[in-house]
């Protein structure tokens, strides 16, 4: 993949050099917001535009990279927490698990009773 990117960069560089040398004597007027620049070399305008594009792309890529690193860090922290919880659950004695299940069943029965009472009231 790096070779592919380098190949495209080399092709764009060669094309840019060819365009720049062929249009070296071409002068243009550039209007940017409220400013107007007269008799600026077209080659200079192309190089500056290319450089601004590179800088903008690098900034966007860095912001995206920071977001991805942050998401990866949070995911790794969550995985570690879940592994610790799983390990703790594996080490529980069987009796405690059955007690926890009975407590859960009792809670579910109480919720059902509350729902029935609510229906009777309505």
PDB file of N, CA and C in Angstrom:
ATOM      1  N   UNK A   1       0.823  -1.185   0.000  1.00  0.00           N
ATOM      2  CA  UNK A   1       0.000   0.000   0.000  1.00  0.00           C
ATOM      3  C   UNK A   1       0.873   1.257   0.000  1.00  0.00           C
ATOM      4  N   UNK A   2       1.950   1.219   0.764  1.00  0.00           N
ATOM      5  CA  UNK A   2       2.857   2.372   0.804  1.00  0.00           C
ATOM      6  C   UNK A   2       3.483   2.593  -0.567  1.00  0.00           C
ATOM      7  N   UNK A   3       3.830   1.502  -1.238  1.00  0.00           N
ATOM      8  CA  UNK A   3       4.400   1.603  -2.576  1.00  0.00           C
ATOM      9  C   UNK A   3       3.407   2.241  -3.544  1.00  0.00           C
ATOM     10  N   UNK A   4       2.143   1.856  -3.418  1.00  0.00           N
ATOM     11  CA  UNK A   4       1.086   2.411  -4.272  1.00  0.00           C
ATOM     12  C   UNK A   4       0.955   3.916  -4.052  1.00  0.00           C
ATOM     13  N   UNK A   5       0.975   4.341  -2.795  1.00  0.00           N
ATOM     14  CA  UNK A   5       0.870   5.765  -2.473  1.00  0.00           C
ATOM     15  C   UNK A   5       2.088   6.524  -2.990  1.00  0.00           C
ATOM     16  N   UNK A   6       3.255   5.956  -2.818  1.00  0.00           N
ATOM     17  CA  UNK A   6       4.483   6.600  -3.310  1.00  0.00           C
ATOM     18  C   UNK A   6       4.464   6.730  -4.834  1.00  0.00           C
ATOM     19  N   UNK A   7       3.939   5.715  -5.512  1.00  0.00           N
ATOM     20  CA  UNK A   7       3.852   5.750  -6.966  1.00  0.00           C
ATOM     21  C   UNK A   7       2.938   6.894  -7.415  1.00  0.00           C
ATOM     22  N   UNK A   8       1.773   7.025  -6.777  1.00  0.00           N
ATOM     23  CA  UNK A   8       0.854   8.105  -7.128  1.00  0.00           C
ATOM     24  C   UNK A   8       1.459   9.470  -6.803  1.00  0.00           C
ATOM     25  N   UNK A   9       2.169   9.582  -5.709  1.00  0.00           N
ATOM     26  CA  UNK A   9       2.815  10.846  -5.352  1.00  0.00           C
ATOM     27  C   UNK A   9       3.861  11.219  -6.388  1.00  0.00           C
ATOM     28  N   UNK A  10       4.625  10.238  -6.846  1.00  0.00           N
ATOM     29  CA  UNK A  10       5.639  10.496  -7.876  1.00  0.00           C
ATOM     30  C   UNK A  10       4.987  10.929  -9.185  1.00  0.00           C
ATOM     31  N   UNK A  11       3.877  10.285  -9.550  1.00  0.00           N
ATOM     32  CA  UNK A  11       3.183  10.651 -10.788  1.00  0.00           C
ATOM     33  C   UNK A  11       2.655  12.083 -10.701  1.00  0.00           C
ATOM     34  N   UNK A  12       2.030  12.438  -9.587  1.00  0.00           N
ATOM     35  CA  UNK A  12       1.528  13.805  -9.422  1.00  0.00           C
ATOM     36  C   UNK A  12       2.658  14.824  -9.411  1.00  0.00           C
ATOM     37  N   UNK A  13       3.782  14.464  -8.831  1.00  0.00           N
ATOM     38  CA  UNK A  13       4.928  15.377  -8.815  1.00  0.00           C
ATOM     39  C   UNK A  13       5.447  15.624 -10.227  1.00  0.00           C
ATOM     40  N   UNK A  14       5.581  14.561 -10.993  1.00  0.00           N
ATOM     41  CA  UNK A  14       6.068  14.699 -12.370  1.00  0.00           C
ATOM     42  C   UNK A  14       5.091  15.534 -13.199  1.00  0.00           C
ATOM     43  N   UNK A  15       3.793  15.258 -13.063  1.00  0.00           N
ATOM     44  CA  UNK A  15       2.783  16.028 -13.805  1.00  0.00           C
ATOM     45  C   UNK A  15       2.825  17.495 -13.369  1.00  0.00           C
ATOM     46  N   UNK A  16       2.976  17.736 -12.086  1.00  0.00           N
ATOM     47  CA  UNK A  16       3.067  19.106 -11.600  1.00  0.00           C
ATOM     48  C   UNK A  16       4.279  19.841 -12.143  1.00  0.00           C
ATOM     49  N   UNK A  17       5.411  19.152 -12.206  1.00  0.00           N
ATOM     50  CA  UNK A  17       6.626  19.777 -12.752  1.00  0.00           C
ATOM     51  C   UNK A  17       6.438  20.099 -14.228  1.00  0.00           C
ATOM     52  N   UNK A  18       5.827  19.181 -14.961  1.00  0.00           N
ATOM     53  CA  UNK A  18       5.595  19.417 -16.398  1.00  0.00           C
ATOM     54  C   UNK A  18       4.669  20.618 -16.596  1.00  0.00           C
ATOM     55  N   UNK A  19       3.575  20.669 -15.862  1.00  0.00           N
ATOM     56  CA  UNK A  19       2.646  21.797 -15.983  1.00  0.00           C
ATOM     57  C   UNK A  19       3.323  23.092 -15.568  1.00  0.00           C
ATOM     58  N   UNK A  20       4.108  23.033 -14.492  1.00  0.00           N
ATOM     59  CA  UNK A  20       4.784  24.228 -14.008  1.00  0.00           C
ATOM     60  C   UNK A  20       5.802  24.778 -14.998  1.00  0.00           C
ATOM     61  N   UNK A  21       6.556  23.905 -15.616  1.00  0.00           N
ATOM     62  CA  UNK A  21       7.571  24.387 -16.566  1.00  0.00           C
ATOM     63  C   UNK A  21       6.934  24.900 -17.862  1.00  0.00           C
ATOM     64  N   UNK A  22       5.841  24.285 -18.281  1.00  0.00           N
ATOM     65  CA  UNK A  22       5.185  24.739 -19.507  1.00  0.00           C
ATOM     66  C   UNK A  22       4.457  26.063 -19.304  1.00  0.00           C
ATOM     67  N   UNK A  23       4.017  26.326 -18.095  1.00  0.00           N
ATOM     68  CA  UNK A  23       3.272  27.557 -17.804  1.00  0.00           C
ATOM     69  C   UNK A  23       4.080  28.513 -16.933  1.00  0.00           C
ATOM     70  N   UNK A  24       5.375  28.425 -16.997  1.00  0.00           N
ATOM     71  CA  UNK A  24       6.235  29.233 -16.139  1.00  0.00           C
ATOM     72  C   UNK A  24       6.122  30.721 -16.391  1.00  0.00           C
ATOM     73  N   UNK A  25       5.852  31.123 -17.605  1.00  0.00           N
ATOM     74  CA  UNK A  25       5.768  32.550 -17.933  1.00  0.00           C
ATOM     75  C   UNK A  25       4.344  33.089 -17.847  1.00  0.00           C
ATOM     76  N   UNK A  26       3.398  32.227 -17.526  1.00  0.00           N
ATOM     77  CA  UNK A  26       2.005  32.656 -17.463  1.00  0.00           C
ATOM     78  C   UNK A  26       1.761  33.399 -16.147  1.00  0.00           C
ATOM     79  N   UNK A  27       1.245  34.618 -16.281  1.00  0.00           N
ATOM     80  CA  UNK A  27       0.947  35.430 -15.112  1.00  0.00           C
ATOM     81  C   UNK A  27      -0.573  35.537 -14.987  1.00  0.00           C
ATOM     82  N   UNK A  28      -1.043  35.433 -13.747  1.00  0.00           N
ATOM     83  CA  UNK A  28      -2.480  35.490 -13.502  1.00  0.00           C
ATOM     84  C   UNK A  28      -2.765  36.476 -12.381  1.00  0.00           C
ATOM     85  N   UNK A  29      -4.028  36.891 -12.289  1.00  0.00           N
ATOM     86  CA  UNK A  29      -4.490  37.714 -11.176  1.00  0.00           C
ATOM     87  C   UNK A  29      -5.280  36.801 -10.244  1.00  0.00           C
ATOM     88  N   UNK A  30      -4.973  36.879  -8.960  1.00  0.00           N
ATOM     89  CA  UNK A  30      -5.616  36.015  -7.975  1.00  0.00           C
ATOM     90  C   UNK A  30      -6.415  36.882  -7.011  1.00  0.00           C
ATOM     91  N   UNK A  31      -7.715  36.552  -6.866  1.00  0.00           N
ATOM     92  CA  UNK A  31      -8.569  37.243  -5.900  1.00  0.00           C
ATOM     93  C   UNK A  31      -8.852  36.289  -4.760  1.00  0.00           C
ATOM     94  N   UNK A  32      -8.529  36.711  -3.557  1.00  0.00           N
ATOM     95  CA  UNK A  32      -8.732  35.893  -2.362  1.00  0.00           C
ATOM     96  C   UNK A  32      -9.433  36.748  -1.319  1.00  0.00           C
ATOM     97  N   UNK A  33     -10.708  36.440  -1.070  1.00  0.00           N
ATOM     98  CA  UNK A  33     -11.551  37.216  -0.165  1.00  0.00           C
ATOM     99  C   UNK A  33     -11.547  38.685  -0.597  1.00  0.00           C
ATOM    100  N   UNK A  34     -10.962  39.559   0.193  1.00  0.00           N
ATOM    101  CA  UNK A  34     -10.950  40.992  -0.151  1.00  0.00           C
ATOM    102  C   UNK A  34      -9.672  41.434  -0.842  1.00  0.00           C
ATOM    103  N   UNK A  35      -8.702  40.535  -0.962  1.00  0.00           N
ATOM    104  CA  UNK A  35      -7.420  40.898  -1.547  1.00  0.00           C
ATOM    105  C   UNK A  35      -7.347  40.461  -3.004  1.00  0.00           C
ATOM    106  N   UNK A  36      -6.625  41.217  -3.787  1.00  0.00           N
ATOM    107  CA  UNK A  36      -6.369  40.854  -5.180  1.00  0.00           C
ATOM    108  C   UNK A  36      -4.866  40.972  -5.418  1.00  0.00           C
ATOM    109  N   UNK A  37      -4.302  39.887  -5.943  1.00  0.00           N
ATOM    110  CA  UNK A  37      -2.871  39.862  -6.252  1.00  0.00           C
ATOM    111  C   UNK A  37      -2.741  39.875  -7.769  1.00  0.00           C
ATOM    112  N   UNK A  38      -1.984  40.840  -8.296  1.00  0.00           N
ATOM    113  CA  UNK A  38      -1.822  41.001  -9.740  1.00  0.00           C
ATOM    114  C   UNK A  38      -0.494  40.415 -10.196  1.00  0.00           C
ATOM    115  N   UNK A  39      -0.504  39.839 -11.376  1.00  0.00           N
ATOM    116  CA  UNK A  39       0.696  39.315 -12.033  1.00  0.00           C
ATOM    117  C   UNK A  39       1.454  38.309 -11.159  1.00  0.00           C
ATOM    118  N   UNK A  40       0.753  37.284 -10.726  1.00  0.00           N
ATOM    119  CA  UNK A  40       1.356  36.207  -9.946  1.00  0.00           C
ATOM    120  C   UNK A  40       1.583  35.032 -10.890  1.00  0.00           C
ATOM    121  N   UNK A  41       2.727  34.382 -10.755  1.00  0.00           N
ATOM    122  CA  UNK A  41       3.047  33.241 -11.609  1.00  0.00           C
ATOM    123  C   UNK A  41       2.053  32.103 -11.356  1.00  0.00           C
ATOM    124  N   UNK A  42       1.552  31.500 -12.433  1.00  0.00           N
ATOM    125  CA  UNK A  42       0.611  30.389 -12.312  1.00  0.00           C
ATOM    126  C   UNK A  42       1.254  29.213 -11.589  1.00  0.00           C
ATOM    127  N   UNK A  43       2.536  28.992 -11.817  1.00  0.00           N
ATOM    128  CA  UNK A  43       3.242  27.908 -11.138  1.00  0.00           C
ATOM    129  C   UNK A  43       3.223  28.121  -9.628  1.00  0.00           C
ATOM    130  N   UNK A  44       3.452  29.341  -9.183  1.00  0.00           N
ATOM    131  CA  UNK A  44       3.431  29.654  -7.761  1.00  0.00           C
ATOM    132  C   UNK A  44       2.039  29.415  -7.165  1.00  0.00           C
ATOM    133  N   UNK A  45       1.004  29.798  -7.896  1.00  0.00           N
ATOM    134  CA  UNK A  45      -0.372  29.589  -7.415  1.00  0.00           C
ATOM    135  C   UNK A  45      -0.653  28.095  -7.287  1.00  0.00           C
ATOM    136  N   UNK A  46      -0.228  27.297  -8.251  1.00  0.00           N
ATOM    137  CA  UNK A  46      -0.448  25.856  -8.200  1.00  0.00           C
ATOM    138  C   UNK A  46       0.292  25.211  -7.027  1.00  0.00           C
ATOM    139  N   UNK A  47       1.535  25.613  -6.816  1.00  0.00           N
ATOM    140  CA  UNK A  47       2.327  25.049  -5.716  1.00  0.00           C
ATOM    141  C   UNK A  47       1.714  25.419  -4.371  1.00  0.00           C
ATOM    142  N   UNK A  48       1.301  26.674  -4.211  1.00  0.00           N
ATOM    143  CA  UNK A  48       0.702  27.097  -2.945  1.00  0.00           C
ATOM    144  C   UNK A  48      -0.628  26.394  -2.690  1.00  0.00           C
ATOM    145  N   UNK A  49      -1.423  26.226  -3.724  1.00  0.00           N
ATOM    146  CA  UNK A  49      -2.690  25.520  -3.572  1.00  0.00           C
ATOM    147  C   UNK A  49      -2.457  24.068  -3.176  1.00  0.00           C
ATOM    148  N   UNK A  50      -1.491  23.438  -3.790  1.00  0.00           N
ATOM    149  CA  UNK A  50      -1.151  22.060  -3.463  1.00  0.00           C
ATOM    150  C   UNK A  50      -0.678  21.952  -2.011  1.00  0.00           C
ATOM    151  N   UNK A  51       0.153  22.872  -1.570  1.00  0.00           N
ATOM    152  CA  UNK A  51       0.661  22.852  -0.195  1.00  0.00           C
ATOM    153  C   UNK A  51      -0.467  23.061   0.815  1.00  0.00           C
ATOM    154  N   UNK A  52      -1.380  23.974   0.522  1.00  0.00           N
ATOM    155  CA  UNK A  52      -2.517  24.197   1.424  1.00  0.00           C
ATOM    156  C   UNK A  52      -3.372  22.935   1.507  1.00  0.00           C
ATOM    157  N   UNK A  53      -3.569  22.248   0.389  1.00  0.00           N
ATOM    158  CA  UNK A  53      -4.324  20.998   0.384  1.00  0.00           C
ATOM    159  C   UNK A  53      -3.664  19.925   1.228  1.00  0.00           C
ATOM    160  N   UNK A  54      -2.337  19.838   1.134  1.00  0.00           N
ATOM    161  CA  UNK A  54      -1.597  18.860   1.939  1.00  0.00           C
ATOM    162  C   UNK A  54      -1.743  19.175   3.429  1.00  0.00           C
ATOM    163  N   UNK A  55      -1.601  20.434   3.787  1.00  0.00           N
ATOM    164  CA  UNK A  55      -1.706  20.827   5.194  1.00  0.00           C
ATOM    165  C   UNK A  55      -3.112  20.523   5.723  1.00  0.00           C
ATOM    166  N   UNK A  56      -4.146  20.859   4.948  1.00  0.00           N
ATOM    167  CA  UNK A  56      -5.520  20.590   5.362  1.00  0.00           C
ATOM    168  C   UNK A  56      -5.751  19.090   5.541  1.00  0.00           C
ATOM    169  N   UNK A  57      -5.245  18.287   4.628  1.00  0.00           N
ATOM    170  CA  UNK A  57      -5.398  16.836   4.714  1.00  0.00           C
ATOM    171  C   UNK A  57      -4.700  16.279   5.953  1.00  0.00           C
ATOM    172  N   UNK A  58      -3.525  16.770   6.257  1.00  0.00           N
ATOM    173  CA  UNK A  58      -2.787  16.307   7.435  1.00  0.00           C
ATOM    174  C   UNK A  58      -3.558  16.651   8.711  1.00  0.00           C
ATOM    175  N   UNK A  59      -4.128  17.853   8.776  1.00  0.00           N
ATOM    176  CA  UNK A  59      -4.888  18.248   9.965  1.00  0.00           C
ATOM    177  C   UNK A  59      -6.102  17.351  10.155  1.00  0.00           C
ATOM    178  N   UNK A  60      -6.844  17.100   9.076  1.00  0.00           N
ATOM    179  CA  UNK A  60      -8.022  16.238   9.162  1.00  0.00           C
ATOM    180  C   UNK A  60      -7.619  14.818   9.551  1.00  0.00           C
ATOM    181  N   UNK A  61      -6.531  14.312   8.980  1.00  0.00           N
ATOM    182  CA  UNK A  61      -6.064  12.962   9.305  1.00  0.00           C
ATOM    183  C   UNK A  61      -5.635  12.858  10.771  1.00  0.00           C
ATOM    184  N   UNK A  62      -4.986  13.883  11.293  1.00  0.00           N
ATOM    185  CA  UNK A  62      -4.577  13.871  12.699  1.00  0.00           C
ATOM    186  C   UNK A  62      -5.781  13.877  13.635  1.00  0.00           C
ATOM    187  N   UNK A  63      -6.783  14.668  13.310  1.00  0.00           N
ATOM    188  CA  UNK A  63      -7.993  14.694  14.143  1.00  0.00           C
ATOM    189  C   UNK A  63      -8.657  13.325  14.129  1.00  0.00           C
ATOM    190  N   UNK A  64      -8.760  12.710  12.964  1.00  0.00           N
ATOM    191  CA  UNK A  64      -9.358  11.383  12.850  1.00  0.00           C
ATOM    192  C   UNK A  64      -8.526  10.343  13.610  1.00  0.00           C
ATOM    193  N   UNK A  65      -7.225  10.453  13.525  1.00  0.00           N
ATOM    194  CA  UNK A  65      -6.334   9.516  14.227  1.00  0.00           C
ATOM    195  C   UNK A  65      -6.505   9.639  15.745  1.00  0.00           C
ATOM    196  N   UNK A  66      -6.633  10.854  16.235  1.00  0.00           N
ATOM    197  CA  UNK A  66      -6.829  11.069  17.673  1.00  0.00           C
ATOM    198  C   UNK A  66      -8.159  10.461  18.120  1.00  0.00           C
ATOM    199  N   UNK A  67      -9.207  10.650  17.316  1.00  0.00           N
ATOM    200  CA  UNK A  67     -10.507  10.049  17.654  1.00  0.00           C
ATOM    201  C   UNK A  67     -10.418   8.527  17.689  1.00  0.00           C
ATOM    202  N   UNK A  68      -9.745   7.950  16.705  1.00  0.00           N
ATOM    203  CA  UNK A  68      -9.615   6.493  16.666  1.00  0.00           C
ATOM    204  C   UNK A  68      -8.808   5.969  17.845  1.00  0.00           C
ATOM    205  N   UNK A  69      -7.731   6.657  18.194  1.00  0.00           N
ATOM    206  CA  UNK A  69      -6.920   6.238  19.350  1.00  0.00           C
ATOM    207  C   UNK A  69      -7.750   6.303  20.633  1.00  0.00           C
ATOM    208  N   UNK A  70      -8.556   7.348  20.763  1.00  0.00           N
ATOM    209  CA  UNK A  70      -9.399   7.491  21.952  1.00  0.00           C
ATOM    210  C   UNK A  70     -10.423   6.363  22.023  1.00  0.00           C
ATOM    211  N   UNK A  71     -11.046   6.036  20.894  1.00  0.00           N
ATOM    212  CA  UNK A  71     -12.020   4.945  20.863  1.00  0.00           C
ATOM    213  C   UNK A  71     -11.348   3.613  21.180  1.00  0.00           C
ATOM    214  N   UNK A  72     -10.153   3.388  20.636  1.00  0.00           N
ATOM    215  CA  UNK A  72      -9.410   2.159  20.905  1.00  0.00           C
ATOM    216  C   UNK A  72      -9.054   2.050  22.380  1.00  0.00           C
ATOM    217  N   UNK A  73      -8.623   3.150  22.971  1.00  0.00           N
ATOM    218  CA  UNK A  73      -8.254   3.156  24.390  1.00  0.00           C
ATOM    219  C   UNK A  73      -9.462   2.811  25.255  1.00  0.00           C
ATOM    220  N   UNK A  74     -10.632   3.423  24.951  1.00  0.00           N
ATOM    221  CA  UNK A  74     -11.840   3.118  25.721  1.00  0.00           C
ATOM    222  C   UNK A  74     -12.259   1.664  25.548  1.00  0.00           C
ATOM    223  N   UNK A  75     -12.142   1.148  24.339  1.00  0.00           N
ATOM    224  CA  UNK A  75     -12.520  -0.249  24.093  1.00  0.00           C
ATOM    225  C   UNK A  75     -11.599  -1.202  24.839  1.00  0.00           C
ATOM    226  N   UNK A  76     -10.312  -0.920  24.837  1.00  0.00           N
ATOM    227  CA  UNK A  76      -9.374  -1.770  25.564  1.00  0.00           C
ATOM    228  C   UNK A  76      -9.650  -1.738  27.059  1.00  0.00           C
ATOM    229  N   UNK A  77      -9.995  -0.572  27.575  1.00  0.00           N
ATOM    230  CA  UNK A  77     -10.326  -0.450  28.990  1.00  0.00           C
ATOM    231  C   UNK A  77     -11.598  -1.242  29.312  1.00  0.00           C
ATOM    232  N   UNK A  78     -12.586  -1.179  28.423  1.00  0.00           N
ATOM    233  CA  UNK A  78     -13.825  -1.928  28.636  1.00  0.00           C
ATOM    234  C   UNK A  78     -13.576  -3.433  28.566  1.00  0.00           C
ATOM    235  N   UNK A  79     -12.747  -3.858  27.623  1.00  0.00           N
ATOM    236  CA  UNK A  79     -12.408  -5.283  27.503  1.00  0.00           C
ATOM    237  C   UNK A  79     -11.724  -5.768  28.767  1.00  0.00           C
ATOM    238  N   UNK A  80     -10.797  -4.973  29.292  1.00  0.00           N
ATOM    239  CA  UNK A  80     -10.103  -5.347  30.517  1.00  0.00           C
ATOM    240  C   UNK A  80     -11.084  -5.487  31.671  1.00  0.00           C
ATOM    241  N   UNK A  81     -12.022  -4.547  31.773  1.00  0.00           N
ATOM    242  CA  UNK A  81     -13.019  -4.600  32.834  1.00  0.00           C
ATOM    243  C   UNK A  81     -13.905  -5.836  32.692  1.00  0.00           C
ATOM    244  N   UNK A  82     -14.313  -6.138  31.468  1.00  0.00           N
ATOM    245  CA  UNK A  82     -15.169  -7.306  31.241  1.00  0.00           C
ATOM    246  C   UNK A  82     -14.422  -8.610  31.513  1.00  0.00           C
ATOM    247  N   UNK A  83     -13.140  -8.652  31.190  1.00  0.00           N
ATOM    248  CA  UNK A  83     -12.343  -9.849  31.485  1.00  0.00           C
ATOM    249  C   UNK A  83     -12.230 -10.061  32.990  1.00  0.00           C
ATOM    250  N   UNK A  84     -12.026  -8.962  33.730  1.00  0.00           N
ATOM    251  CA  UNK A  84     -11.948  -9.074  35.190  1.00  0.00           C
ATOM    252  C   UNK A  84     -13.277  -9.552  35.755  1.00  0.00           C
ATOM    253  N   UNK A  85     -14.385  -9.043  35.237  1.00  0.00           N
ATOM    254  CA  UNK A  85     -15.700  -9.465  35.701  1.00  0.00           C
ATOM    255  C   UNK A  85     -15.942 -10.938  35.385  1.00  0.00           C
ATOM    256  N   UNK A  86     -15.549 -11.361  34.183  1.00  0.00           N
ATOM    257  CA  UNK A  86     -15.709 -12.761  33.797  1.00  0.00           C
ATOM    258  C   UNK A  86     -14.876 -13.668  34.683  1.00  0.00           C
ATOM    259  N   UNK A  87     -13.653 -13.248  34.974  1.00  0.00           N
ATOM    260  CA  UNK A  87     -12.793 -14.032  35.850  1.00  0.00           C
ATOM    261  C   UNK A  87     -13.392 -14.143  37.252  1.00  0.00           C
ATOM    262  N   UNK A  88     -13.953 -13.049  37.742  1.00  0.00           N
ATOM    263  CA  UNK A  88     -14.575 -13.069  39.070  1.00  0.00           C
ATOM    264  C   UNK A  88     -15.789 -13.990  39.075  1.00  0.00           C
ATOM    265  N   UNK A  89     -16.573 -13.967  37.997  1.00  0.00           N
ATOM    266  CA  UNK A  89     -17.744 -14.839  37.918  1.00  0.00           C
ATOM    267  C   UNK A  89     -17.353 -16.304  37.820  1.00  0.00           C
ATOM    268  N   UNK A  90     -16.267 -16.585  37.140  1.00  0.00           N
ATOM    269  CA  UNK A  90     -15.807 -17.975  37.024  1.00  0.00           C
ATOM    270  C   UNK A  90     -15.326 -18.515  38.364  1.00  0.00           C
ATOM    271  N   UNK A  91     -14.827 -17.644  39.207  1.00  0.00           N
ATOM    272  CA  UNK A  91     -14.285 -18.066  40.492  1.00  0.00           C
ATOM    273  C   UNK A  91     -15.337 -18.120  41.606  1.00  0.00           C
ATOM    274  N   UNK A  92     -16.574 -17.741  41.299  1.00  0.00           N
ATOM    275  CA  UNK A  92     -17.629 -17.808  42.312  1.00  0.00           C
ATOM    276  C   UNK A  92     -17.976 -19.260  42.608  1.00  0.00           C
ATOM    277  N   UNK A  93     -18.235 -19.574  43.879  1.00  0.00           N
ATOM    278  CA  UNK A  93     -18.706 -20.924  44.195  1.00  0.00           C
ATOM    279  C   UNK A  93     -20.106 -21.150  43.619  1.00  0.00           C
ATOM    280  N   UNK A  94     -20.444 -22.397  43.380  1.00  0.00           N
ATOM    281  CA  UNK A  94     -21.727 -22.743  42.765  1.00  0.00           C
ATOM    282  C   UNK A  94     -22.881 -22.323  43.662  1.00  0.00           C
ATOM    283  N   UNK A  95     -22.735 -22.437  44.984  1.00  0.00           N
ATOM    284  CA  UNK A  95     -23.800 -22.092  45.922  1.00  0.00           C
ATOM    285  C   UNK A  95     -24.185 -20.625  45.810  1.00  0.00           C
ATOM    286  N   UNK A  96     -23.202 -19.761  45.674  1.00  0.00           N
ATOM    287  CA  UNK A  96     -23.490 -18.334  45.576  1.00  0.00           C
ATOM    288  C   UNK A  96     -24.242 -18.033  44.291  1.00  0.00           C
ATOM    289  N   UNK A  97     -23.922 -18.735  43.236  1.00  0.00           N
ATOM    290  CA  UNK A  97     -24.605 -18.514  41.969  1.00  0.00           C
ATOM    291  C   UNK A  97     -26.064 -18.913  42.099  1.00  0.00           C
ATOM    292  N   UNK A  98     -26.322 -20.054  42.728  1.00  0.00           N
ATOM    293  CA  UNK A  98     -27.709 -20.486  42.886  1.00  0.00           C
ATOM    294  C   UNK A  98     -28.471 -19.525  43.777  1.00  0.00           C
ATOM    295  N   UNK A  99     -27.828 -18.956  44.795  1.00  0.00           N
ATOM    296  CA  UNK A  99     -28.473 -17.960  45.638  1.00  0.00           C
ATOM    297  C   UNK A  99     -28.816 -16.715  44.828  1.00  0.00           C
ATOM    298  N   UNK A 100     -27.896 -16.312  43.981  1.00  0.00           N
ATOM    299  CA  UNK A 100     -28.136 -15.142  43.141  1.00  0.00           C
ATOM    300  C   UNK A 100     -29.298 -15.398  42.193  1.00  0.00           C
ATOM    301  N   UNK A 101     -29.392 -16.600  41.660  1.00  0.00           N
ATOM    302  CA  UNK A 101     -30.500 -16.931  40.767  1.00  0.00           C
ATOM    303  C   UNK A 101     -31.820 -16.919  41.520  1.00  0.00           C
ATOM    304  N   UNK A 102     -31.840 -17.438  42.739  1.00  0.00           N
ATOM    305  CA  UNK A 102     -33.083 -17.442  43.516  1.00  0.00           C
ATOM    306  C   UNK A 102     -33.508 -16.020  43.865  1.00  0.00           C
ATOM    307  N   UNK A 103     -32.555 -15.162  44.156  1.00  0.00           N
ATOM    308  CA  UNK A 103     -32.877 -13.763  44.442  1.00  0.00           C
ATOM    309  C   UNK A 103     -33.468 -13.111  43.202  1.00  0.00           C
ATOM    310  N   UNK A 104     -32.892 -13.402  42.048  1.00  0.00           N
ATOM    311  CA  UNK A 104     -33.397 -12.844  40.800  1.00  0.00           C
ATOM    312  C   UNK A 104     -34.813 -13.334  40.523  1.00  0.00           C
ATOM    313  N   UNK A 105     -35.069 -14.616  40.774  1.00  0.00           N
ATOM    314  CA  UNK A 105     -36.410 -15.164  40.570  1.00  0.00           C
ATOM    315  C   UNK A 105     -37.416 -14.498  41.498  1.00  0.00           C
ATOM    316  N   UNK A 106     -37.019 -14.265  42.743  1.00  0.00           N
ATOM    317  CA  UNK A 106     -37.908 -13.594  43.694  1.00  0.00           C
ATOM    318  C   UNK A 106     -38.224 -12.176  43.227  1.00  0.00           C
ATOM    319  N   UNK A 107     -37.239 -11.481  42.721  1.00  0.00           N
ATOM    320  CA  UNK A 107     -37.456 -10.121  42.222  1.00  0.00           C
ATOM    321  C   UNK A 107     -38.428 -10.134  41.050  1.00  0.00           C
ATOM    322  N   UNK A 108     -38.268 -11.116  40.154  1.00  0.00           N
ATOM    323  CA  UNK A 108     -39.172 -11.215  39.008  1.00  0.00           C
ATOM    324  C   UNK A 108     -40.600 -11.498  39.464  1.00  0.00           C
ATOM    325  N   UNK A 109     -40.771 -12.347  40.462  1.00  0.00           N
ATOM    326  CA  UNK A 109     -42.104 -12.641  40.991  1.00  0.00           C
ATOM    327  C   UNK A 109     -42.725 -11.388  41.601  1.00  0.00           C
ATOM    328  N   UNK A 110     -41.927 -10.615  42.313  1.00  0.00           N
ATOM    329  CA  UNK A 110     -42.437  -9.390  42.910  1.00  0.00           C
ATOM    330  C   UNK A 110     -42.859  -8.391  41.837  1.00  0.00           C
ATOM    331  N   UNK A 111     -42.091  -8.303  40.757  1.00  0.00           N
ATOM    332  CA  UNK A 111     -42.446  -7.408  39.656  1.00  0.00           C
ATOM    333  C   UNK A 111     -43.756  -7.837  39.019  1.00  0.00           C
ATOM    334  N   UNK A 112     -43.957  -9.147  38.850  1.00  0.00           N
ATOM    335  CA  UNK A 112     -45.203  -9.648  38.287  1.00  0.00           C
ATOM    336  C   UNK A 112     -46.385  -9.311  39.194  1.00  0.00           C
ATOM    337  N   UNK A 113     -46.212  -9.442  40.500  1.00  0.00           N
ATOM    338  CA  UNK A 113     -47.273  -9.100  41.446  1.00  0.00           C
ATOM    339  C   UNK A 113     -47.619  -7.618  41.353  1.00  0.00           C
ATOM    340  N   UNK A 114     -46.589  -6.770  41.235  1.00  0.00           N
ATOM    341  CA  UNK A 114     -46.825  -5.335  41.111  1.00  0.00           C
ATOM    342  C   UNK A 114     -47.584  -5.023  39.830  1.00  0.00           C
ATOM    343  N   UNK A 115     -47.244  -5.686  38.750  1.00  0.00           N
ATOM    344  CA  UNK A 115     -47.939  -5.469  37.483  1.00  0.00           C
ATOM    345  C   UNK A 115     -49.397  -5.891  37.594  1.00  0.00           C
ATOM    346  N   UNK A 116     -49.657  -7.030  38.247  1.00  0.00           N
ATOM    347  CA  UNK A 116     -51.027  -7.497  38.428  1.00  0.00           C
ATOM    348  C   UNK A 116     -51.827  -6.522  39.287  1.00  0.00           C
ATOM    349  N   UNK A 117     -51.184  -6.001  40.337  1.00  0.00           N
ATOM    350  CA  UNK A 117     -51.852  -5.029  41.200  1.00  0.00           C
ATOM    351  C   UNK A 117     -52.187  -3.757  40.423  1.00  0.00           C
ATOM    352  N   UNK A 118     -51.257  -3.321  39.572  1.00  0.00           N
ATOM    353  CA  UNK A 118     -51.492  -2.128  38.762  1.00  0.00           C
ATOM    354  C   UNK A 118     -52.665  -2.344  37.803  1.00  0.00           C
ATOM    355  N   UNK A 119     -52.756  -3.542  37.222  1.00  0.00           N
ATOM    356  CA  UNK A 119     -53.853  -3.848  36.300  1.00  0.00           C
ATOM    357  C   UNK A 119     -55.191  -3.848  37.039  1.00  0.00           C
ATOM    358  N   UNK A 120     -55.203  -4.402  38.267  1.00  0.00           N
ATOM    359  CA  UNK A 120     -56.436  -4.438  39.045  1.00  0.00           C
ATOM    360  C   UNK A 120     -56.886  -3.038  39.433  1.00  0.00           C
ATOM    361  N   UNK A 121     -55.947  -2.165  39.713  1.00  0.00           N
ATOM    362  CA  UNK A 121     -56.267  -0.796  40.102  1.00  0.00           C
ATOM    363  C   UNK A 121     -56.875  -0.044  38.918  1.00  0.00           C
ATOM    364  N   UNK A 122     -56.382  -0.276  37.725  1.00  0.00           N
ATOM    365  CA  UNK A 122     -56.880   0.422  36.529  1.00  0.00           C
ATOM    366  C   UNK A 122     -58.214  -0.126  36.183  1.00  0.00           C
TER     367      UNK A 122
END
